[in-house]
Amino acid sequence: MRLADFSFAFPAIILAIMLTAVFGAGVVNSIIAIGIFNVPIFIRITRASANAVWSREYILAARACGKGSWRITLEHVLPNILSVLIVQVSLRFAIAILAEAALSYLGLGTQPPQPSWGRMLSEAQERMFQAPLLAVWPGLAIALVVLGLNLLGDGLRDLLDPRLARKR
């Protein structure tokens, strides 16, 4: 947890730029850089959610029945925190798309024969006055995908949250 907390002290996109600049531009390095700086968020959310579940009374009842820690984790804790993690995945995936587009825009992400919306925006910047739609379509695609993933995350949270299910 201390390593995860330490990683929150630095802006993730700056460190992703640093990693791709050091290890070279490319899809694999940008995915690794984006992934490394998304892991601490999942660590913190998983730990907080699991600690909340471990303090519930049915966990105490499962221990009283003689179940071990691993079995309790697999049968009770993991199913109860899975909805939180699924929602977080959809939201973080949208942020990862933005980060990849930013790295590609700077020339540190996806390299030329492979398509990337960030690189398309970078190349369209040179021809902004001749063909402005070259910048509109990739930007619109990024915005729609990120908006869609955020709406998916909100919808999944509403669907999977047991506290909201009682109100329906």
N, C-alpha and C. Protein backbone atom coordinates (compact mmCIF):
# COMPACT_ATOMS: atom_id res chain seq x y z
N MET A 1 0.82 -1.20 0.00
CA MET A 1 0.00 0.00 0.00
C MET A 1 0.86 1.26 0.00
N ARG A 2 2.01 1.21 0.65
CA ARG A 2 2.87 2.40 0.67
C ARG A 2 3.38 2.73 -0.73
N LEU A 3 3.69 1.72 -1.51
CA LEU A 3 4.13 1.95 -2.89
C LEU A 3 2.99 2.54 -3.72
N ALA A 4 1.78 2.05 -3.50
CA ALA A 4 0.62 2.61 -4.21
C ALA A 4 0.38 4.06 -3.80
N ASP A 5 0.48 4.34 -2.51
CA ASP A 5 0.31 5.71 -2.05
C ASP A 5 1.42 6.62 -2.58
N PHE A 6 2.62 6.09 -2.67
CA PHE A 6 3.74 6.86 -3.22
C PHE A 6 3.50 7.22 -4.69
N SER A 7 2.90 6.31 -5.44
CA SER A 7 2.67 6.58 -6.86
C SER A 7 1.62 7.66 -7.08
N PHE A 8 0.74 7.88 -6.09
CA PHE A 8 -0.26 8.94 -6.21
C PHE A 8 0.36 10.34 -6.08
N ALA A 9 1.58 10.42 -5.61
CA ALA A 9 2.22 11.71 -5.41
C ALA A 9 2.66 12.35 -6.73
N PHE A 10 2.73 11.55 -7.79
CA PHE A 10 3.20 12.05 -9.08
C PHE A 10 2.08 11.96 -10.11
N PRO A 11 1.98 12.94 -10.99
CA PRO A 11 0.96 12.87 -12.05
C PRO A 11 1.24 11.67 -12.97
N ALA A 12 0.23 10.87 -13.19
CA ALA A 12 0.39 9.63 -13.95
C ALA A 12 0.79 9.90 -15.39
N ILE A 13 0.22 10.89 -16.01
CA ILE A 13 0.53 11.14 -17.43
C ILE A 13 1.97 11.61 -17.60
N ILE A 14 2.48 12.37 -16.64
CA ILE A 14 3.87 12.82 -16.71
C ILE A 14 4.81 11.62 -16.59
N LEU A 15 4.51 10.72 -15.65
CA LEU A 15 5.35 9.53 -15.51
C LEU A 15 5.22 8.59 -16.70
N ALA A 16 4.03 8.53 -17.30
CA ALA A 16 3.86 7.72 -18.51
C ALA A 16 4.68 8.31 -19.66
N ILE A 17 4.70 9.62 -19.77
CA ILE A 17 5.55 10.28 -20.79
C ILE A 17 7.01 9.96 -20.53
N MET A 18 7.41 10.01 -19.26
CA MET A 18 8.80 9.72 -18.92
C MET A 18 9.17 8.28 -19.27
N LEU A 19 8.31 7.33 -18.93
CA LEU A 19 8.60 5.93 -19.22
C LEU A 19 8.68 5.66 -20.72
N THR A 20 7.75 6.22 -21.48
CA THR A 20 7.80 5.99 -22.93
C THR A 20 8.98 6.73 -23.57
N ALA A 21 9.38 7.85 -23.00
CA ALA A 21 10.54 8.55 -23.53
C ALA A 21 11.82 7.77 -23.23
N VAL A 22 11.90 7.14 -22.06
CA VAL A 22 13.09 6.38 -21.68
C VAL A 22 13.17 5.06 -22.44
N PHE A 23 12.07 4.32 -22.49
CA PHE A 23 12.09 2.99 -23.08
C PHE A 23 11.71 2.97 -24.56
N GLY A 24 11.37 4.11 -25.11
CA GLY A 24 11.06 4.19 -26.53
C GLY A 24 9.56 4.27 -26.79
N ALA A 25 9.25 4.90 -27.89
CA ALA A 25 7.85 5.05 -28.28
C ALA A 25 7.34 3.75 -28.87
N GLY A 26 6.08 3.50 -28.67
CA GLY A 26 5.48 2.30 -29.23
C GLY A 26 4.25 1.90 -28.46
N VAL A 27 3.49 1.00 -29.03
CA VAL A 27 2.24 0.57 -28.43
C VAL A 27 2.49 -0.16 -27.11
N VAL A 28 3.42 -1.09 -27.12
CA VAL A 28 3.66 -1.90 -25.93
C VAL A 28 4.14 -1.04 -24.77
N ASN A 29 5.08 -0.15 -25.01
CA ASN A 29 5.59 0.70 -23.94
C ASN A 29 4.53 1.66 -23.42
N SER A 30 3.69 2.18 -24.30
CA SER A 30 2.63 3.08 -23.83
C SER A 30 1.58 2.32 -23.03
N ILE A 31 1.25 1.09 -23.44
CA ILE A 31 0.29 0.29 -22.68
C ILE A 31 0.85 -0.06 -21.30
N ILE A 32 2.12 -0.42 -21.25
CA ILE A 32 2.76 -0.73 -19.97
C ILE A 32 2.77 0.51 -19.07
N ALA A 33 3.12 1.65 -19.63
CA ALA A 33 3.18 2.89 -18.85
C ALA A 33 1.80 3.27 -18.32
N ILE A 34 0.78 3.15 -19.15
CA ILE A 34 -0.58 3.48 -18.71
C ILE A 34 -1.05 2.46 -17.67
N GLY A 35 -0.74 1.20 -17.89
CA GLY A 35 -1.14 0.15 -16.95
C GLY A 35 -0.49 0.28 -15.60
N ILE A 36 0.80 0.60 -15.58
CA ILE A 36 1.52 0.74 -14.31
C ILE A 36 0.88 1.80 -13.43
N PHE A 37 0.43 2.87 -14.03
CA PHE A 37 -0.10 3.96 -13.22
C PHE A 37 -1.60 3.86 -12.99
N ASN A 38 -2.25 2.83 -13.53
CA ASN A 38 -3.65 2.57 -13.19
C ASN A 38 -3.77 1.50 -12.11
N VAL A 39 -2.74 0.70 -11.92
CA VAL A 39 -2.79 -0.38 -10.93
C VAL A 39 -2.97 0.14 -9.50
N PRO A 40 -2.29 1.20 -9.05
CA PRO A 40 -2.49 1.65 -7.67
C PRO A 40 -3.93 2.05 -7.35
N ILE A 41 -4.65 2.53 -8.32
CA ILE A 41 -6.05 2.89 -8.08
C ILE A 41 -6.86 1.64 -7.77
N PHE A 42 -6.61 0.58 -8.53
CA PHE A 42 -7.31 -0.68 -8.28
C PHE A 42 -6.89 -1.30 -6.94
N ILE A 43 -5.63 -1.14 -6.60
CA ILE A 43 -5.16 -1.65 -5.31
C ILE A 43 -5.89 -0.96 -4.17
N ARG A 44 -5.98 0.34 -4.23
CA ARG A 44 -6.63 1.09 -3.16
C ARG A 44 -8.13 0.78 -3.07
N ILE A 45 -8.79 0.73 -4.22
CA ILE A 45 -10.24 0.45 -4.22
C ILE A 45 -10.52 -0.96 -3.73
N THR A 46 -9.70 -1.93 -4.19
CA THR A 46 -9.89 -3.31 -3.77
C THR A 46 -9.68 -3.46 -2.27
N ARG A 47 -8.65 -2.84 -1.76
CA ARG A 47 -8.36 -2.95 -0.32
C ARG A 47 -9.45 -2.31 0.51
N ALA A 48 -9.90 -1.11 0.12
CA ALA A 48 -10.95 -0.43 0.88
C ALA A 48 -12.26 -1.21 0.84
N SER A 49 -12.62 -1.71 -0.32
CA SER A 49 -13.87 -2.48 -0.44
C SER A 49 -13.78 -3.79 0.32
N ALA A 50 -12.64 -4.46 0.23
CA ALA A 50 -12.48 -5.73 0.94
C ALA A 50 -12.48 -5.52 2.45
N ASN A 51 -11.86 -4.46 2.92
CA ASN A 51 -11.89 -4.19 4.36
C ASN A 51 -13.30 -3.92 4.85
N ALA A 52 -14.10 -3.24 4.02
CA ALA A 52 -15.49 -2.99 4.40
C ALA A 52 -16.28 -4.29 4.48
N VAL A 53 -16.04 -5.19 3.54
CA VAL A 53 -16.75 -6.47 3.55
C VAL A 53 -16.27 -7.34 4.70
N TRP A 54 -14.98 -7.34 4.98
CA TRP A 54 -14.43 -8.17 6.07
C TRP A 54 -14.99 -7.76 7.42
N SER A 55 -15.49 -6.55 7.55
CA SER A 55 -16.04 -6.10 8.83
C SER A 55 -17.52 -6.43 9.00
N ARG A 56 -18.12 -7.06 8.03
CA ARG A 56 -19.54 -7.41 8.10
C ARG A 56 -19.77 -8.63 8.99
N GLU A 57 -21.01 -8.76 9.45
CA GLU A 57 -21.34 -9.83 10.37
C GLU A 57 -21.37 -11.20 9.71
N TYR A 58 -21.74 -11.27 8.44
CA TYR A 58 -21.78 -12.59 7.81
C TYR A 58 -20.39 -13.17 7.62
N ILE A 59 -19.37 -12.34 7.60
CA ILE A 59 -18.00 -12.84 7.57
C ILE A 59 -17.66 -13.47 8.92
N LEU A 60 -18.10 -12.82 9.98
CA LEU A 60 -17.91 -13.38 11.32
C LEU A 60 -18.65 -14.72 11.46
N ALA A 61 -19.83 -14.80 10.87
CA ALA A 61 -20.58 -16.05 10.89
C ALA A 61 -19.87 -17.14 10.08
N ALA A 62 -19.28 -16.77 8.96
CA ALA A 62 -18.54 -17.74 8.15
C ALA A 62 -17.32 -18.25 8.90
N ARG A 63 -16.66 -17.37 9.65
CA ARG A 63 -15.52 -17.80 10.47
C ARG A 63 -15.98 -18.74 11.58
N ALA A 64 -17.14 -18.43 12.15
CA ALA A 64 -17.67 -19.28 13.22
C ALA A 64 -18.02 -20.67 12.69
N CYS A 65 -18.35 -20.74 11.40
CA CYS A 65 -18.65 -22.04 10.79
C CYS A 65 -17.38 -22.82 10.46
N GLY A 66 -16.23 -22.20 10.64
CA GLY A 66 -14.97 -22.90 10.42
C GLY A 66 -14.34 -22.68 9.06
N LYS A 67 -14.83 -21.72 8.29
CA LYS A 67 -14.23 -21.44 6.98
C LYS A 67 -12.91 -20.68 7.16
N GLY A 68 -11.96 -20.99 6.31
CA GLY A 68 -10.67 -20.32 6.35
C GLY A 68 -10.70 -18.99 5.63
N SER A 69 -9.63 -18.23 5.76
CA SER A 69 -9.56 -16.89 5.16
C SER A 69 -9.67 -16.93 3.64
N TRP A 70 -8.99 -17.90 3.00
CA TRP A 70 -9.04 -17.98 1.53
C TRP A 70 -10.44 -18.32 1.06
N ARG A 71 -11.09 -19.23 1.74
CA ARG A 71 -12.43 -19.63 1.33
C ARG A 71 -13.42 -18.49 1.53
N ILE A 72 -13.30 -17.77 2.63
CA ILE A 72 -14.15 -16.60 2.87
C ILE A 72 -13.91 -15.55 1.80
N THR A 73 -12.65 -15.35 1.45
CA THR A 73 -12.32 -14.36 0.43
C THR A 73 -12.95 -14.73 -0.90
N LEU A 74 -12.84 -15.99 -1.30
CA LEU A 74 -13.37 -16.41 -2.59
C LEU A 74 -14.90 -16.48 -2.61
N GLU A 75 -15.51 -16.89 -1.51
CA GLU A 75 -16.96 -17.09 -1.50
C GLU A 75 -17.76 -15.84 -1.10
N HIS A 76 -17.18 -14.98 -0.28
CA HIS A 76 -17.95 -13.86 0.24
C HIS A 76 -17.38 -12.49 -0.16
N VAL A 77 -16.09 -12.32 0.01
CA VAL A 77 -15.51 -11.00 -0.22
C VAL A 77 -15.45 -10.67 -1.71
N LEU A 78 -14.88 -11.55 -2.50
CA LEU A 78 -14.72 -11.28 -3.93
C LEU A 78 -16.05 -11.02 -4.65
N PRO A 79 -17.09 -11.83 -4.44
CA PRO A 79 -18.36 -11.51 -5.11
C PRO A 79 -18.95 -10.17 -4.69
N ASN A 80 -18.68 -9.74 -3.47
CA ASN A 80 -19.24 -8.48 -3.01
C ASN A 80 -18.46 -7.25 -3.47
N ILE A 81 -17.19 -7.42 -3.83
CA ILE A 81 -16.44 -6.26 -4.32
C ILE A 81 -16.32 -6.27 -5.84
N LEU A 82 -16.79 -7.31 -6.49
CA LEU A 82 -16.66 -7.43 -7.93
C LEU A 82 -17.39 -6.32 -8.68
N SER A 83 -18.55 -5.92 -8.19
CA SER A 83 -19.31 -4.87 -8.88
C SER A 83 -18.55 -3.54 -8.85
N VAL A 84 -17.90 -3.25 -7.73
CA VAL A 84 -17.12 -2.01 -7.63
C VAL A 84 -15.96 -2.04 -8.62
N LEU A 85 -15.32 -3.19 -8.72
CA LEU A 85 -14.17 -3.31 -9.63
C LEU A 85 -14.61 -3.24 -11.10
N ILE A 86 -15.75 -3.83 -11.43
CA ILE A 86 -16.24 -3.78 -12.81
C ILE A 86 -16.53 -2.34 -13.22
N VAL A 87 -17.17 -1.60 -12.35
CA VAL A 87 -17.46 -0.19 -12.64
C VAL A 87 -16.16 0.59 -12.80
N GLN A 88 -15.21 0.34 -11.92
CA GLN A 88 -13.93 1.06 -11.99
C GLN A 88 -13.18 0.74 -13.27
N VAL A 89 -13.26 -0.51 -13.74
CA VAL A 89 -12.60 -0.88 -15.00
C VAL A 89 -13.16 -0.06 -16.15
N SER A 90 -14.47 0.08 -16.23
CA SER A 90 -15.05 0.84 -17.34
C SER A 90 -14.66 2.31 -17.28
N LEU A 91 -14.60 2.87 -16.08
CA LEU A 91 -14.21 4.27 -15.95
C LEU A 91 -12.72 4.48 -16.23
N ARG A 92 -11.88 3.58 -15.74
CA ARG A 92 -10.43 3.71 -15.97
C ARG A 92 -10.07 3.43 -17.43
N PHE A 93 -10.86 2.61 -18.11
CA PHE A 93 -10.60 2.34 -19.51
C PHE A 93 -10.77 3.61 -20.34
N ALA A 94 -11.75 4.44 -19.98
CA ALA A 94 -11.93 5.72 -20.66
C ALA A 94 -10.73 6.63 -20.43
N ILE A 95 -10.21 6.64 -19.23
CA ILE A 95 -9.03 7.46 -18.93
C ILE A 95 -7.81 6.92 -19.65
N ALA A 96 -7.72 5.60 -19.79
CA ALA A 96 -6.59 5.00 -20.51
C ALA A 96 -6.64 5.37 -21.99
N ILE A 97 -7.82 5.45 -22.57
CA ILE A 97 -7.94 5.88 -23.97
C ILE A 97 -7.46 7.32 -24.12
N LEU A 98 -7.84 8.17 -23.19
CA LEU A 98 -7.36 9.56 -23.24
C LEU A 98 -5.85 9.63 -23.08
N ALA A 99 -5.30 8.81 -22.20
CA ALA A 99 -3.85 8.82 -21.99
C ALA A 99 -3.12 8.32 -23.23
N GLU A 100 -3.64 7.28 -23.87
CA GLU A 100 -3.00 6.77 -25.09
C GLU A 100 -3.08 7.80 -26.20
N ALA A 101 -4.21 8.49 -26.31
CA ALA A 101 -4.34 9.54 -27.32
C ALA A 101 -3.36 10.68 -27.04
N ALA A 102 -3.17 11.01 -25.77
CA ALA A 102 -2.22 12.06 -25.42
C ALA A 102 -0.78 11.65 -25.75
N LEU A 103 -0.43 10.41 -25.42
CA LEU A 103 0.92 9.92 -25.74
C LEU A 103 1.14 9.86 -27.24
N SER A 104 0.15 9.41 -27.99
CA SER A 104 0.29 9.34 -29.44
C SER A 104 0.35 10.73 -30.06
N TYR A 105 -0.40 11.67 -29.49
CA TYR A 105 -0.36 13.04 -29.97
C TYR A 105 1.05 13.62 -29.82
N LEU A 106 1.71 13.25 -28.72
CA LEU A 106 3.06 13.74 -28.49
C LEU A 106 4.13 12.95 -29.23
N GLY A 107 3.72 11.87 -29.91
CA GLY A 107 4.66 11.05 -30.67
C GLY A 107 5.29 9.95 -29.85
N LEU A 108 4.78 9.68 -28.66
CA LEU A 108 5.35 8.66 -27.78
C LEU A 108 4.51 7.39 -27.72
N GLY A 109 3.37 7.39 -28.36
CA GLY A 109 2.48 6.23 -28.31
C GLY A 109 2.60 5.40 -29.58
N THR A 110 1.47 5.14 -30.17
CA THR A 110 1.40 4.32 -31.38
C THR A 110 2.19 4.98 -32.50
N GLN A 111 2.94 4.17 -33.19
CA GLN A 111 3.79 4.69 -34.26
C GLN A 111 3.21 4.41 -35.64
N PRO A 112 3.65 5.17 -36.66
CA PRO A 112 3.03 5.11 -37.97
C PRO A 112 2.66 3.89 -38.74
N PRO A 113 2.68 2.85 -38.93
CA PRO A 113 1.58 2.35 -39.76
C PRO A 113 0.31 2.04 -38.97
N GLN A 114 0.40 2.02 -37.65
CA GLN A 114 -0.77 1.69 -36.85
C GLN A 114 -1.60 2.95 -36.59
N PRO A 115 -2.92 2.82 -36.65
CA PRO A 115 -3.76 4.00 -36.45
C PRO A 115 -3.89 4.38 -34.98
N SER A 116 -3.99 5.67 -34.73
CA SER A 116 -4.23 6.18 -33.38
C SER A 116 -4.92 7.52 -33.50
N TRP A 117 -5.95 7.72 -32.69
CA TRP A 117 -6.67 8.99 -32.74
C TRP A 117 -5.79 10.15 -32.33
N GLY A 118 -4.90 9.95 -31.38
CA GLY A 118 -4.01 11.02 -30.95
C GLY A 118 -3.05 11.42 -32.06
N ARG A 119 -2.51 10.43 -32.77
CA ARG A 119 -1.62 10.75 -33.88
C ARG A 119 -2.38 11.41 -35.03
N MET A 120 -3.62 10.98 -35.25
CA MET A 120 -4.45 11.63 -36.27
C MET A 120 -4.66 13.10 -35.94
N LEU A 121 -4.89 13.41 -34.68
CA LEU A 121 -5.04 14.80 -34.27
C LEU A 121 -3.75 15.59 -34.46
N SER A 122 -2.63 14.95 -34.16
CA SER A 122 -1.34 15.61 -34.34
C SER A 122 -1.07 15.91 -35.81
N GLU A 123 -1.37 14.96 -36.67
CA GLU A 123 -1.15 15.17 -38.10
C GLU A 123 -2.16 16.15 -38.69
N ALA A 124 -3.38 16.19 -38.14
CA ALA A 124 -4.39 17.12 -38.64
C ALA A 124 -4.09 18.55 -38.23
N GLN A 125 -3.30 18.72 -37.18
CA GLN A 125 -2.95 20.06 -36.73
C GLN A 125 -2.16 20.82 -37.80
N GLU A 126 -1.36 20.09 -38.57
CA GLU A 126 -0.57 20.72 -39.62
C GLU A 126 -1.46 21.21 -40.77
N ARG A 127 -2.59 20.57 -40.98
CA ARG A 127 -3.48 20.90 -42.10
C ARG A 127 -4.80 21.50 -41.62
N MET A 128 -4.77 22.18 -40.49
CA MET A 128 -5.98 22.69 -39.88
C MET A 128 -6.74 23.67 -40.78
N PHE A 129 -6.02 24.50 -41.52
CA PHE A 129 -6.69 25.50 -42.35
C PHE A 129 -7.13 24.95 -43.70
N GLN A 130 -6.47 23.90 -44.20
CA GLN A 130 -6.88 23.31 -45.47
C GLN A 130 -8.05 22.34 -45.29
N ALA A 131 -8.00 21.52 -44.26
CA ALA A 131 -9.04 20.51 -44.03
C ALA A 131 -9.32 20.39 -42.54
N PRO A 132 -10.17 21.25 -42.01
CA PRO A 132 -10.42 21.23 -40.56
C PRO A 132 -11.14 19.97 -40.08
N LEU A 133 -11.84 19.28 -40.97
CA LEU A 133 -12.55 18.07 -40.55
C LEU A 133 -11.60 16.93 -40.20
N LEU A 134 -10.35 17.02 -40.64
CA LEU A 134 -9.38 15.99 -40.26
C LEU A 134 -9.15 15.98 -38.76
N ALA A 135 -9.34 17.10 -38.12
CA ALA A 135 -9.18 17.16 -36.66
C ALA A 135 -10.50 16.91 -35.94
N VAL A 136 -11.60 17.21 -36.60
CA VAL A 136 -12.90 17.06 -35.95
C VAL A 136 -13.25 15.60 -35.71
N TRP A 137 -13.06 14.75 -36.71
CA TRP A 137 -13.52 13.36 -36.59
C TRP A 137 -12.75 12.55 -35.55
N PRO A 138 -11.43 12.60 -35.49
CA PRO A 138 -10.77 11.87 -34.40
C PRO A 138 -11.10 12.43 -33.02
N GLY A 139 -11.20 13.74 -32.91
CA GLY A 139 -11.57 14.35 -31.63
C GLY A 139 -12.98 13.97 -31.20
N LEU A 140 -13.88 13.93 -32.17
CA LEU A 140 -15.25 13.52 -31.88
C LEU A 140 -15.31 12.04 -31.50
N ALA A 141 -14.51 11.22 -32.16
CA ALA A 141 -14.46 9.79 -31.83
C ALA A 141 -13.95 9.57 -30.41
N ILE A 142 -12.90 10.28 -30.03
CA ILE A 142 -12.37 10.17 -28.67
C ILE A 142 -13.43 10.61 -27.66
N ALA A 143 -14.06 11.73 -27.93
CA ALA A 143 -15.07 12.26 -27.00
C ALA A 143 -16.25 11.29 -26.86
N LEU A 144 -16.72 10.73 -27.96
CA LEU A 144 -17.87 9.82 -27.90
C LEU A 144 -17.53 8.51 -27.18
N VAL A 145 -16.35 7.97 -27.44
CA VAL A 145 -15.96 6.73 -26.78
C VAL A 145 -15.79 6.95 -25.28
N VAL A 146 -15.15 8.04 -24.89
CA VAL A 146 -14.96 8.33 -23.47
C VAL A 146 -16.30 8.60 -22.79
N LEU A 147 -17.16 9.35 -23.46
CA LEU A 147 -18.50 9.60 -22.91
C LEU A 147 -19.28 8.29 -22.78
N GLY A 148 -19.21 7.44 -23.80
CA GLY A 148 -19.90 6.16 -23.75
C GLY A 148 -19.40 5.27 -22.63
N LEU A 149 -18.09 5.22 -22.44
CA LEU A 149 -17.54 4.40 -21.36
C LEU A 149 -17.91 4.95 -19.98
N ASN A 150 -17.94 6.28 -19.85
CA ASN A 150 -18.36 6.87 -18.58
C ASN A 150 -19.84 6.59 -18.31
N LEU A 151 -20.67 6.68 -19.34
CA LEU A 151 -22.09 6.35 -19.16
C LEU A 151 -22.28 4.87 -18.86
N LEU A 152 -21.47 4.02 -19.48
CA LEU A 152 -21.52 2.59 -19.19
C LEU A 152 -21.14 2.34 -17.72
N GLY A 153 -20.10 3.01 -17.25
CA GLY A 153 -19.69 2.87 -15.85
C GLY A 153 -20.78 3.33 -14.90
N ASP A 154 -21.44 4.46 -15.21
CA ASP A 154 -22.53 4.93 -14.37
C ASP A 154 -23.70 3.96 -14.39
N GLY A 155 -24.01 3.43 -15.57
CA GLY A 155 -25.10 2.47 -15.67
C GLY A 155 -24.80 1.18 -14.94
N LEU A 156 -23.57 0.70 -15.04
CA LEU A 156 -23.19 -0.51 -14.31
C LEU A 156 -23.23 -0.28 -12.81
N ARG A 157 -22.81 0.90 -12.37
CA ARG A 157 -22.86 1.21 -10.94
C ARG A 157 -24.31 1.20 -10.47
N ASP A 158 -25.21 1.81 -11.24
CA ASP A 158 -26.62 1.81 -10.86
C ASP A 158 -27.21 0.41 -10.85
N LEU A 159 -26.77 -0.42 -11.80
CA LEU A 159 -27.31 -1.77 -11.91
C LEU A 159 -26.76 -2.71 -10.84
N LEU A 160 -25.47 -2.58 -10.53
CA LEU A 160 -24.82 -3.53 -9.64
C LEU A 160 -24.77 -3.11 -8.18
N ASP A 161 -25.06 -1.86 -7.87
CA ASP A 161 -25.00 -1.40 -6.48
C ASP A 161 -26.22 -1.87 -5.71
N PRO A 162 -26.04 -2.69 -4.69
CA PRO A 162 -27.20 -3.21 -3.95
C PRO A 162 -27.96 -2.14 -3.20
N ARG A 163 -27.30 -1.07 -2.79
CA ARG A 163 -28.01 0.00 -2.09
C ARG A 163 -28.99 0.73 -3.01
N LEU A 164 -28.61 0.86 -4.30
CA LEU A 164 -29.51 1.50 -5.26
C LEU A 164 -30.63 0.56 -5.69
N ALA A 165 -30.41 -0.75 -5.60
CA ALA A 165 -31.43 -1.72 -5.99
C ALA A 165 -32.62 -1.68 -5.03
N ARG A 166 -32.38 -1.36 -3.77
CA ARG A 166 -33.47 -1.27 -2.80
C ARG A 166 -34.43 -0.12 -3.13
N LYS A 167 -33.89 0.94 -3.73
CA LYS A 167 -34.71 2.11 -4.03
C LYS A 167 -35.59 1.90 -5.25
N ARG A 168 -35.23 0.92 -6.10
CA ARG A 168 -36.02 0.71 -7.33
C ARG A 168 -37.28 -0.02 -7.07
